[in-house]
Protein backbone atom coordinates (compact mmCIF):
# COMPACT_ATOMS: atom_id res chain seq x y z
CA MET A 1 0.00 0.00 0.00
CA LYS A 2 1.37 3.41 -1.01
CA ARG A 3 0.49 5.20 2.19
CA GLN A 4 2.09 8.55 1.39
CA GLN A 5 0.85 9.11 -2.17
CA GLU A 6 -2.22 11.17 -1.36
CA SER A 7 -2.19 13.86 -4.02
CA THR A 8 -5.47 12.49 -5.44
CA VAL A 9 -6.51 9.76 -3.00
CA CYS A 10 -7.47 9.86 0.67
CA ALA A 11 -5.44 7.00 2.13
CA ALA A 12 -8.12 6.14 4.67
CA CYS A 13 -10.98 5.84 2.17
CA PRO A 14 -11.62 4.92 -1.49
CA LEU A 15 -12.82 8.39 -2.56
CA SER A 16 -10.66 10.93 -4.36
CA ARG A 17 -10.07 14.08 -2.36
CA ARG A 18 -12.38 16.12 -4.61
CA ARG A 19 -15.18 13.53 -4.49
CA PHE A 20 -14.66 13.05 -0.73
CA LEU A 21 -14.91 16.75 0.08
CA ALA A 22 -17.91 17.19 -2.22
CA ALA A 23 -19.71 14.27 -0.61
CA ALA A 24 -18.79 15.31 2.91
CA SER A 25 -19.75 18.94 2.37
CA ALA A 26 -23.21 17.81 1.27
CA GLY A 27 -23.83 16.26 4.71
CA ALA A 28 -25.63 17.98 7.55
CA LEU A 29 -23.45 20.25 9.66
CA GLY A 30 -22.95 18.98 13.24
CA ALA A 31 -24.55 21.00 16.01
CA LEU A 32 -21.20 21.48 17.72
CA ALA A 33 -19.51 22.95 14.64
CA PRO A 34 -20.90 26.22 13.24
CA ARG A 35 -19.55 27.42 9.92
CA GLY A 36 -16.32 29.35 9.95
CA LEU A 37 -14.48 27.41 12.61
CA PHE A 38 -11.61 27.09 10.13
CA PRO A 39 -11.56 30.63 8.65
CA GLY A 40 -9.43 31.06 5.56
CA GLY A 41 -6.59 33.54 5.44
CA GLY A 42 -8.02 35.29 2.40
CA GLN A 43 -10.77 35.09 -0.23
CA GLY A 44 -10.94 31.56 -1.65
CA GLU A 45 -8.28 30.24 0.69
CA LYS A 46 -9.14 27.21 2.79
CA THR A 47 -7.51 26.07 5.98
CA ARG A 48 -5.66 22.83 5.12
CA ILE A 49 -5.50 20.16 7.81
CA ARG A 50 -3.81 16.81 7.40
CA VAL A 51 -5.24 13.91 9.41
CA ILE A 52 -2.58 11.27 10.06
CA TYR A 53 -3.52 7.79 11.28
CA ALA A 54 -0.56 6.33 13.17
CA LEU A 55 -0.84 2.55 12.94
CA HIS A 56 0.94 -0.62 11.81
CA ALA A 57 -1.55 -1.59 9.10
CA VAL A 58 -5.24 -1.26 8.22
CA THR A 59 -5.82 -4.77 9.57
CA GLN A 60 -3.91 -5.47 12.79
CA PRO A 61 -1.26 -8.01 11.70
CA GLY A 62 -0.23 -9.43 15.08
CA PRO A 63 -0.89 -9.45 18.82
CA ASP A 64 -1.16 -5.86 20.01
CA TRP A 65 -3.87 -3.51 21.18
CA PRO A 66 -6.71 -3.52 20.18
CA ASN A 67 -6.29 -7.18 19.02
CA VAL A 68 -4.99 -9.25 16.15
CA GLY A 69 -7.18 -8.91 13.05
CA PHE A 70 -8.75 -5.64 14.18
CA ASN A 71 -10.00 -3.65 11.19
CA PHE A 72 -9.09 0.04 11.55
CA GLN A 73 -10.79 1.08 8.30
CA PRO A 74 -14.18 1.89 9.90
CA VAL A 75 -12.38 3.84 12.65
CA MET A 76 -10.46 5.95 10.13
CA ASP A 77 -13.52 6.41 7.91
CA GLY A 78 -15.58 7.50 10.90
CA ILE A 79 -13.09 10.13 12.02
CA THR A 80 -12.42 11.52 8.54
CA THR A 81 -16.10 11.65 7.62
CA THR A 82 -17.07 13.31 10.90
CA LEU A 83 -14.42 16.01 10.54
CA ALA A 84 -15.31 16.67 6.89
CA ARG A 85 -19.01 16.91 7.73
CA ASN A 86 -18.43 19.31 10.61
CA PHE A 87 -15.82 21.49 8.87
CA PRO A 88 -16.84 21.89 5.21
CA GLU A 89 -14.76 25.05 4.84
CA CYS A 90 -11.58 23.13 5.64
CA GLU A 91 -9.57 21.08 3.16
CA LEU A 92 -8.84 17.73 4.81
CA ILE A 93 -6.08 15.42 3.66
CA SER A 94 -6.07 11.91 5.13
CA THR A 95 -2.89 9.83 5.38
CA MET A 96 -1.50 6.81 7.23
CA ALA A 97 1.97 6.47 8.77
CA LYS A 98 3.56 3.65 10.71
CA GLY A 99 6.72 5.32 11.96
CA PRO A 100 8.95 8.41 12.00
CA GLU A 101 10.34 7.73 8.53
CA GLU A 102 6.91 7.91 6.95
CA ALA A 103 6.06 10.92 9.10
CA GLN A 104 9.15 12.68 7.76
CA LYS A 105 8.03 11.95 4.19
CA ILE A 106 4.69 13.54 4.96
CA LEU A 107 6.41 16.72 6.16
CA ALA A 108 8.58 16.76 3.06
CA ALA A 109 5.52 16.47 0.81
CA ASP A 110 3.82 19.28 2.71
CA ALA A 111 6.77 21.61 2.18
CA SER A 112 5.62 22.29 -1.38
CA SER A 113 1.95 22.60 -0.45
CA PRO A 114 1.86 23.74 3.17
CA VAL A 115 -0.83 22.70 5.62
CA ASP A 116 -2.08 24.78 8.54
CA GLY A 117 -2.05 21.96 11.06
CA TYR A 118 -2.12 18.24 11.78
CA VAL A 119 -4.45 15.83 13.53
CA VAL A 120 -2.45 12.74 14.60
CA CYS A 121 -4.63 9.81 15.68
CA GLN A 122 -2.71 7.24 17.76
CA LEU A 123 -4.31 3.96 16.66
CA ASN A 124 -1.47 1.65 17.79
CA CYS A 125 0.74 2.24 20.79
CA TRP A 126 4.41 2.73 19.99
CA ASN A 127 4.94 4.00 16.43
CA GLN A 128 6.42 7.45 17.28
CA VAL A 129 4.75 9.33 14.46
CA VAL A 130 3.56 12.29 16.52
CA GLN A 131 7.04 13.37 17.66
CA THR A 132 8.16 14.00 14.08
CA ILE A 133 4.97 15.84 13.19
CA ALA A 134 4.98 18.03 16.30
CA ALA A 135 8.61 18.96 15.63
CA SER A 136 7.40 20.78 12.49
CA GLY A 137 6.11 23.55 14.77
CA LYS A 138 2.67 23.44 13.12
CA PRO A 139 -0.41 23.16 15.36
CA THR A 140 -0.74 19.44 16.11
CA LEU A 141 -3.82 17.87 17.68
CA TYR A 142 -2.90 14.50 19.20
CA VAL A 143 -5.79 12.03 19.58
CA ASP A 144 -6.00 8.76 21.51
CA PHE A 145 -7.89 5.87 19.94
CA GLN A 146 -8.75 4.33 23.28
CA TYR A 147 -7.86 0.66 23.83
CA GLY A 148 -5.77 0.89 20.67
CA GLY A 149 -3.05 3.52 21.01
CA SER A 150 -3.47 4.47 24.66
CA GLY A 151 -0.06 3.33 25.96
CA GLY A 152 1.90 5.33 23.42
CA PHE A 153 -0.53 8.20 23.76
CA LEU A 154 -0.07 8.50 27.53
CA VAL A 155 3.71 8.14 27.44
CA TYR A 156 4.18 10.52 24.51
CA THR A 157 1.69 13.09 25.84
CA ALA A 158 3.46 13.21 29.20
CA ALA A 159 6.74 13.91 27.39
CA PHE A 160 5.14 16.78 25.45
CA LEU A 161 3.73 18.22 28.67
CA ARG A 162 7.12 17.95 30.38
CA LYS A 163 8.77 19.80 27.50
CA LYS A 164 5.95 22.37 27.42
CA THR A 165 5.36 21.91 23.69
CA PRO A 166 3.11 24.89 22.82
CA ASN A 167 2.01 23.68 19.37
CA LEU A 168 0.77 20.31 20.72
CA GLY A 169 -2.75 19.84 22.07
CA PHE A 170 -4.37 16.52 22.92
CA VAL A 171 -7.71 14.74 23.12
CA ALA A 172 -8.28 11.69 25.35
CA SER A 173 -12.01 11.16 25.05
CA SER A 174 -14.42 8.41 24.01
CA ARG A 175 -16.74 11.08 22.56
CA MET A 176 -16.34 12.09 18.94
CA GLU A 177 -17.90 15.44 19.90
CA ASP A 178 -14.80 16.24 21.96
CA LEU A 179 -12.54 15.72 18.94
CA VAL A 180 -14.78 18.00 16.89
CA ALA A 181 -14.71 20.63 19.62
CA ALA A 182 -10.90 20.44 19.92
CA CYS A 183 -10.54 21.07 16.20
CA ARG A 184 -11.95 24.55 16.79
CA ALA A 185 -8.51 25.45 18.09
CA PHE A 186 -7.08 25.30 14.56
CA GLY A 187 -9.26 28.23 13.50
CA GLN A 188 -8.49 30.13 16.69
CA ALA A 189 -4.77 29.53 16.25
CA LYS A 190 -4.80 30.68 12.63
CA LYS A 191 -6.67 33.84 13.57
CA ALA A 192 -4.18 34.50 16.42
CA GLY A 193 -1.23 34.16 14.05
CA PRO A 194 2.37 33.10 14.80
CA GLY A 195 3.29 32.58 18.41
CA ASN A 196 -0.14 31.31 19.42
CA ASP A 197 -0.31 28.65 22.16
CA PHE A 198 -2.27 25.94 20.38
CA GLY A 199 -1.80 23.54 23.28
CA ALA A 200 -3.39 25.99 25.71
CA LEU A 201 -6.34 26.53 23.38
CA VAL A 202 -6.98 22.78 23.16
CA ALA A 203 -6.52 22.37 26.92
CA SER A 204 -9.16 25.01 27.58
CA ILE A 205 -11.62 23.25 25.26
CA ARG A 206 -10.83 19.84 26.77
CA GLN A 207 -11.19 21.00 30.35
CA SER A 208 -14.49 22.76 29.66
CA ALA A 209 -15.89 19.49 28.23
CA THR A 210 -14.65 17.29 31.10
CA PRO A 211 -17.41 16.70 33.65
CA GLY A 212 -16.84 17.74 37.23
CA PRO A 213 -16.48 15.21 40.05
CA GLY A 214 -19.44 12.97 40.71
CA ASP A 215 -20.51 11.48 44.01
CA LEU A 216 -17.20 10.38 45.53
CA ALA A 217 -18.67 8.86 48.68
CA VAL A 218 -17.50 5.25 48.97
CA ARG A 219 -18.79 2.08 50.57
CA THR A 220 -17.51 0.93 53.95
CA ASP A 221 -14.41 -1.23 53.67
CA ASN A 222 -13.14 -3.25 56.62
CA LEU A 223 -9.50 -2.52 55.84
CA SER A 224 -6.82 -3.71 58.22
CA VAL A 225 -3.20 -2.80 57.60
CA LEU A 226 0.16 -3.65 59.12
CA SER A 227 2.38 -1.03 60.69
CA ALA A 228 5.13 0.22 58.42
CA ASP A 229 7.78 -1.66 60.42
CA GLU A 230 5.83 -4.92 60.31
CA CYS A 231 5.22 -4.47 56.56
CA LEU A 232 8.97 -4.01 56.00
CA ARG A 233 9.59 -7.23 57.92
CA LYS A 234 7.11 -9.12 55.72
CA MET A 235 8.69 -7.66 52.59
CA LYS A 236 12.12 -8.89 53.69
CA GLU A 237 10.66 -12.38 54.08
CA SER A 238 9.41 -12.32 50.48
CA LYS A 239 10.99 -13.69 47.35
CA ILE A 240 10.17 -12.99 43.69
CA LEU A 241 10.83 -15.50 40.89
CA ALA A 242 11.47 -13.68 37.60
CA VAL A 243 10.89 -16.10 34.72
CA GLY A 244 12.21 -15.39 31.26
CA GLY A 245 13.98 -12.09 31.87
CA GLY A 246 12.78 -8.53 32.08
CA TRP A 247 13.63 -5.17 33.64
CA PRO A 248 17.39 -5.75 33.60
CA GLY A 249 19.26 -4.07 36.42
CA ILE A 250 16.29 -3.36 38.67
CA ALA A 251 16.61 -6.46 40.88
CA PRO A 252 19.52 -5.04 42.95
CA ALA A 253 17.53 -1.84 43.60
CA ILE A 254 14.55 -3.92 44.78
CA MET A 255 16.77 -5.96 47.07
CA ASP A 256 18.64 -2.94 48.44
CA GLY A 257 15.67 -0.58 48.67
CA MET A 258 12.82 -2.92 49.62
CA GLY A 259 14.56 -5.97 51.02
CA ILE A 260 12.80 -8.32 48.58
CA GLU A 261 14.93 -11.07 47.06
CA VAL A 262 14.65 -11.57 43.28
CA ILE A 263 15.73 -14.84 41.66
CA ASN A 264 15.96 -15.37 37.90
CA VAL A 265 14.36 -18.64 36.79
CA PRO A 266 14.54 -20.07 33.25
CA PHE A 267 11.42 -20.83 31.22
CA ALA A 268 12.43 -24.49 31.13
CA GLU A 269 11.95 -24.90 34.87
CA VAL A 270 8.37 -23.65 34.73
CA ASN A 271 7.64 -25.61 31.57
CA GLU A 272 8.92 -28.82 33.13
CA ALA A 273 6.75 -28.25 36.20
CA TRP A 274 3.76 -27.65 33.92
CA ALA A 275 4.41 -30.90 32.05
CA ALA A 276 4.77 -32.81 35.34
CA ALA A 277 1.53 -31.46 36.87
CA ASP A 278 -0.98 -34.09 37.94
CA LYS A 279 -3.49 -34.46 35.10
CA GLU A 280 -6.44 -35.33 37.36
CA ASP A 281 -5.75 -32.37 39.62
CA ALA A 282 -5.54 -30.10 36.56
CA LYS A 283 -8.84 -31.43 35.23
CA ALA A 284 -10.55 -30.88 38.60
CA ILE A 285 -9.36 -27.26 38.69
CA ALA A 286 -10.48 -26.73 35.08
CA ASP A 287 -13.92 -28.17 35.92
CA ARG A 288 -14.20 -25.78 38.87
CA TRP A 289 -13.31 -22.79 36.70
CA HIS A 290 -15.82 -23.84 34.06
CA LYS A 291 -18.63 -24.27 36.60
CA THR A 292 -18.01 -21.11 38.60
CA ALA A 293 -17.30 -18.66 35.76
CA ALA A 294 -20.23 -16.48 34.76
CA LYS A 295 -19.23 -17.06 31.15
CA VAL A 296 -16.67 -19.15 29.26
CA GLU A 297 -16.28 -17.96 25.67
CA GLY A 298 -13.79 -19.02 22.99
CA VAL A 299 -11.89 -21.25 25.42
CA SER A 300 -12.01 -25.05 25.12
CA MET A 301 -11.92 -27.44 28.04
CA GLU A 302 -8.55 -28.64 26.77
CA THR A 303 -7.19 -25.08 27.08
CA LEU A 304 -8.63 -24.80 30.60
CA VAL A 305 -6.87 -28.04 31.59
CA THR A 306 -3.50 -26.86 30.22
CA SER A 307 -4.00 -23.52 32.03
CA ALA A 308 -4.75 -25.39 35.27
CA ALA A 309 -1.58 -27.45 34.78
CA MET A 310 0.34 -24.17 34.38
CA TYR A 311 -1.10 -22.99 37.70
CA LEU A 312 0.03 -26.22 39.37
CA GLY A 313 3.45 -25.82 37.75
CA GLN A 314 3.78 -22.28 39.08
CA LYS A 315 2.85 -23.46 42.57
CA ALA A 316 5.47 -26.23 42.38
CA VAL A 317 8.21 -23.80 41.34
CA LEU A 318 7.22 -21.38 44.12
CA ARG A 319 7.44 -24.19 46.69
CA LYS A 320 10.81 -25.33 45.33
CA HIS A 321 12.34 -21.87 45.82
CA GLY A 322 10.44 -20.92 48.97
CA ALA A 323 9.00 -17.90 47.13
CA ASN A 324 5.67 -16.12 47.40
CA ALA A 325 5.73 -14.24 44.09
CA ILE A 326 6.26 -15.20 40.46
CA THR A 327 6.30 -13.04 37.35
CA ILE A 328 6.65 -14.52 33.87
CA ASN A 329 7.58 -13.07 30.50
CA CYS A 330 4.34 -14.62 29.33
CA LEU A 331 4.12 -13.36 25.75
CA GLY A 332 7.79 -13.93 25.01
CA GLY A 333 7.59 -17.39 26.54
CA PHE A 334 4.43 -18.41 24.71
CA TYR A 335 5.35 -16.98 21.30
CA GLY A 336 8.89 -18.32 21.60
CA GLY A 337 7.64 -21.84 22.34
CA HIS A 338 9.27 -21.84 25.80
CA ILE A 339 5.97 -22.34 27.63
CA HIS A 340 2.83 -23.95 26.25
CA ALA A 341 0.02 -22.37 28.23
CA TYR A 342 -0.70 -18.84 29.27
CA PRO A 343 -0.17 -18.25 33.00
CA CYS A 344 -3.13 -15.83 33.33
CA LEU A 345 -5.56 -18.16 35.13
CA GLY A 346 -2.70 -19.41 37.30
CA PHE A 347 -1.87 -15.84 38.31
CA HIS A 348 -5.56 -15.33 39.09
CA GLU A 349 -5.56 -18.33 41.44
CA LEU A 350 -2.34 -17.26 43.16
CA LEU A 351 -3.73 -13.78 43.80
CA ASN A 352 -6.87 -15.27 45.33
CA GLU A 353 -4.65 -17.26 47.72
CA GLY A 354 -2.69 -14.26 48.96
CA LEU A 355 0.33 -15.06 46.78
CA ILE A 356 1.58 -12.99 43.85
CA GLY A 357 1.22 -13.85 40.16
CA ALA A 358 2.33 -10.98 37.93
CA CYS A 359 2.38 -10.34 34.20
CA GLU A 360 5.16 -9.69 31.68
CA CYS A 361 8.10 -10.27 34.02
CA ASP A 362 7.53 -6.73 35.28
CA VAL A 363 9.68 -7.11 38.38
CA ARG A 364 9.11 -3.56 39.60
CA SER A 365 5.32 -3.95 39.55
CA THR A 366 5.68 -7.40 41.12
CA ALA A 367 7.66 -5.87 44.00
CA THR A 368 4.89 -3.27 44.29
CA MET A 369 2.32 -6.07 44.56
CA VAL A 370 4.42 -7.83 47.21
CA ALA A 371 4.58 -4.66 49.31
CA MET A 372 0.89 -3.86 48.98
CA THR A 373 -0.28 -7.41 49.71
CA ALA A 374 1.92 -7.39 52.82
CA LEU A 375 0.65 -3.97 53.89
CA THR A 376 -3.02 -4.95 53.51
CA GLN A 377 -2.60 -8.42 55.02
CA GLY A 378 -3.49 -10.28 51.86
CA ARG A 379 -5.34 -7.96 49.51
CA PRO A 380 -4.29 -8.61 45.91
CA GLY A 381 -3.19 -5.88 43.59
CA TYR A 382 -3.25 -6.23 39.85
CA ILE A 383 -1.02 -4.79 37.19
CA SER A 384 -2.78 -2.77 34.51
CA ASP A 385 -2.27 -0.72 31.37
CA PRO A 386 -4.36 2.36 32.23
CA VAL A 387 -6.48 4.38 29.82
CA ILE A 388 -7.78 7.88 30.60
CA ASP A 389 -11.16 9.04 29.32
CA THR A 390 -12.00 12.69 29.96
CA ALA A 391 -15.52 12.20 28.56
CA SER A 392 -16.46 10.18 31.64
CA ARG A 393 -13.76 11.58 33.94
CA GLN A 394 -12.41 8.07 34.42
CA ILE A 395 -9.18 6.15 34.42
CA ILE A 396 -9.63 2.54 33.32
CA TYR A 397 -7.22 -0.17 34.53
CA ALA A 398 -6.98 -2.76 31.75
CA HIS A 399 -5.26 -6.16 31.88
CA CYS A 400 -6.02 -9.82 31.22
CA VAL A 401 -5.34 -10.90 34.82
CA ALA A 402 -7.01 -9.90 38.08
CA SER A 403 -8.16 -11.53 41.28
CA ASN A 404 -11.84 -11.90 42.05
CA ARG A 405 -11.30 -11.66 45.81
CA ALA A 406 -10.51 -7.96 45.97
CA PHE A 407 -10.61 -7.86 49.78
CA GLY A 408 -8.32 -10.84 50.30
CA PRO A 409 -8.40 -14.64 50.62
CA GLY A 410 -11.54 -15.92 52.28
CA CYS A 411 -13.55 -12.83 51.37
CA PRO A 412 -16.54 -13.00 49.00
CA ALA A 413 -15.72 -13.58 45.33
CA ASN A 414 -17.03 -11.39 42.53
CA PRO A 415 -18.03 -12.89 39.15
CA ILE A 416 -15.46 -13.69 36.47
CA GLU A 417 -15.63 -14.49 32.78
CA ILE A 418 -13.05 -16.74 31.14
CA LEU A 419 -12.13 -15.49 27.68
CA THR A 420 -9.19 -15.74 25.32
CA HIS A 421 -6.14 -13.57 25.90
CA SER A 422 -7.28 -10.41 24.20
CA GLU A 423 -4.37 -9.31 22.03
CA ASP A 424 -3.95 -12.61 20.17
CA ARG A 425 -7.32 -14.30 20.88
CA GLN A 426 -5.53 -17.42 22.12
CA GLY A 427 -5.28 -19.28 25.42
CA ALA A 428 -7.37 -18.33 28.44
CA SER A 429 -7.53 -15.18 30.54
CA VAL A 430 -9.85 -13.50 33.03
CA ARG A 431 -12.36 -10.70 33.00
CA SER A 432 -12.95 -9.96 36.67
CA LEU A 433 -16.13 -7.96 37.30
CA LEU A 434 -14.77 -6.19 40.33
CA PRO A 435 -16.82 -4.60 43.14
CA LEU A 436 -18.13 -1.06 42.57
CA GLY A 437 -18.49 1.88 44.91
CA TYR A 438 -15.22 1.32 46.78
CA MET A 439 -12.04 3.33 47.16
CA THR A 440 -8.96 2.03 45.38
CA SER A 441 -5.32 3.03 45.69
CA THR A 442 -3.12 2.77 42.61
CA VAL A 443 0.62 2.75 43.11
CA GLU A 444 4.00 1.96 41.59
CA PHE A 445 7.06 1.50 43.79
CA SER A 446 10.28 2.73 42.20
CA PRO A 447 13.24 1.63 44.33
CA GLU A 448 15.74 3.03 41.85
CA ARG A 449 14.31 6.51 42.52
CA LYS A 450 13.14 5.94 46.10
CA THR A 451 9.67 7.07 45.08
CA ILE A 452 6.13 5.72 45.28
CA LEU A 453 3.68 6.93 42.64
CA PHE A 454 0.18 7.19 44.10
CA HIS A 455 -3.37 8.09 43.12
CA GLN A 456 -6.83 7.04 44.24
CA GLY A 457 -10.25 6.55 42.73
CA LYS A 458 -13.77 5.30 43.36
CA THR A 459 -14.70 2.19 41.39
CA VAL A 460 -17.63 3.01 39.10
CA ALA A 461 -17.79 0.48 36.24
CA ASN A 462 -16.46 -2.68 34.65
CA SER A 463 -16.10 -1.97 30.94
CA PRO A 464 -17.20 -4.81 28.61
CA ASP A 465 -15.38 -3.31 25.61
CA ASP A 466 -13.97 -6.11 23.46
CA ARG A 467 -10.86 -4.14 22.49
CA ALA A 468 -7.62 -4.57 24.42
CA CYS A 469 -7.31 -6.39 27.73
CA ARG A 470 -10.21 -8.27 29.29
CA THR A 471 -10.47 -6.85 32.83
CA LYS A 472 -11.25 -3.13 32.66
CA LEU A 473 -12.03 -1.58 36.02
CA ALA A 474 -13.05 2.07 35.65
CA VAL A 475 -12.61 4.47 38.55
CA GLU A 476 -13.31 8.14 39.01
CA PRO A 477 -10.02 9.62 40.23
CA ILE A 478 -9.85 11.58 43.44
CA GLY A 479 -8.26 14.89 42.51
CA ASP A 480 -7.29 16.47 39.21
CA ILE A 481 -7.70 14.23 36.14
CA GLU A 482 -5.57 16.67 34.11
CA LYS A 483 -2.65 16.05 36.46
CA LEU A 484 -2.94 12.32 35.72
CA PHE A 485 -1.52 12.89 32.24
CA ALA A 486 1.85 14.07 33.54
CA GLU A 487 4.04 11.15 34.68
CA TRP A 488 3.84 8.30 32.17
CA ASP A 489 6.97 9.20 30.20
CA GLU A 490 9.30 8.86 33.20
CA TRP A 491 7.60 5.96 34.99
CA GLY A 492 6.15 3.75 32.26
CA TRP A 493 2.62 2.56 31.57
CA HIS A 494 2.04 -0.07 34.27
CA ARG A 495 0.38 0.67 37.60
CA VAL A 496 -0.83 -1.62 40.42
CA THR A 497 -4.33 -1.16 41.83
CA VAL A 498 -5.44 -2.35 45.30
CA TYR A 499 -8.80 -1.95 47.02
CA GLY A 500 -8.78 0.32 50.06
CA ASP A 501 -8.01 3.86 51.17
CA LEU A 502 -4.27 3.38 51.58
CA LYS A 503 -3.06 6.96 51.46
CA GLU A 504 -1.94 7.16 55.09
CA PRO A 505 -0.42 3.63 55.25
CA VAL A 506 1.49 4.20 51.99
CA ASN A 507 2.86 7.50 53.25
CA ALA A 508 3.88 5.84 56.52
CA LEU A 509 5.63 3.07 54.60
CA ALA A 510 7.41 5.65 52.44
CA ASP A 511 8.62 7.43 55.57
CA ALA A 512 9.94 4.14 56.97
CA LEU A 513 11.77 3.47 53.70
CA GLY A 514 13.11 7.03 53.52
CA TRP A 515 11.29 7.55 50.22
CA ARG A 516 8.93 10.20 48.86
CA VAL A 517 5.34 9.81 47.60
CA LEU A 518 4.51 11.46 44.27
CA GLU A 519 0.74 12.02 44.04
CA GLU A 520 -0.32 11.69 40.40
CA ALA A 521 -3.71 13.36 40.76
């Protein structure tokens, strides 16, 4: 596909530019977009805006957000058509780009026929298109396609905010109306002339559309925590098994700063334990999962049995090393043929037992889970890839693993659904429909910086969206949702969420460690 040759063809749709604009201009004008939002600089001159879709391919070729086989064409068509319908006085040029090289070619093509600004839609996570475009100095509106490009969007947006990039504004909303409203800033910026602060214009529009706080009263939670000194003692008794490599160099900081031992374990050891697991025991566990799950979809009984055997294998390896936490490079292990079942359901079982099962060999987040489970006397945390939606004033914690005993072992269980792992639609993973109306504390311990990231929120929904990871707990953050955009570039995408109002205990633990707490909201 010739993605950059758009002199006569809109790359996101089959219409020529002339036919596309004629057809779009014939549509009804949206209520949010009165004529003249993109005023021309002179008689007959139109404001020219290029819409760039940053993605790997029109059809998702491999395991990544949103999921393998995802068709982006309707997404691109919907955005382009909506903008053309709402802004008939603007000339829109639609293009795709999968990396900085293609972004640079776009800028080179625009040198001979300048545009007035760019809309960059982050459809996949890590393609680094927007950095090249924003470096042009032209007004750039950066848009998150939620559950598709959200990781890259959060990390890249935080970097722009840190650098105070005045020509970059952003939209993180599930409402198309908010994208339309943000595009008004192009007309305002053009009218203001050189030196305008496009980012500030977009921020003003975004903040005016973000709803204010809702009812933040939370349900009673019988939380019991250890003292900071007792928590430190429990942490020093803990041991993490890191399977398959990850986060090189952080293990010494965890040991020195938190007192938690980290042992590297090869894939082969876990795979051998999986193969040796008792077949009848595995079948009994699989039967229990099948009977107790609210729904089992796309997952065969054979897959459930192999997943149960992986759980038994993980338990055997934990017992062998005297450890209470295991984190596995699950995708690398599965795709590389080093392990033959996803560990997701096994992690789920471990978390329900007061042990730690953690994704992606993220040792730092695993150490965070160890600390928080110790502090709360058994409450499980879960790692997530967060998504922020200003339309609902929510942050959504998405991953394919979570406990369904949010208040600890022995406490009531919430419903689960057993589905395929979302990104590749293989294996088995968990959608945990977690309790609503409670306070949560979301943290990330960073021993290399002696810092604990911290924010809180009230649980308000479990999103059933099929895109991206299966468990999606939505919370309304306590504090400033705008501030939540600021830290992802320096700290990464993962966070760990635990039920309970843990602000005071976390601060006390930080004091005992000699660390600081950085409040994200």
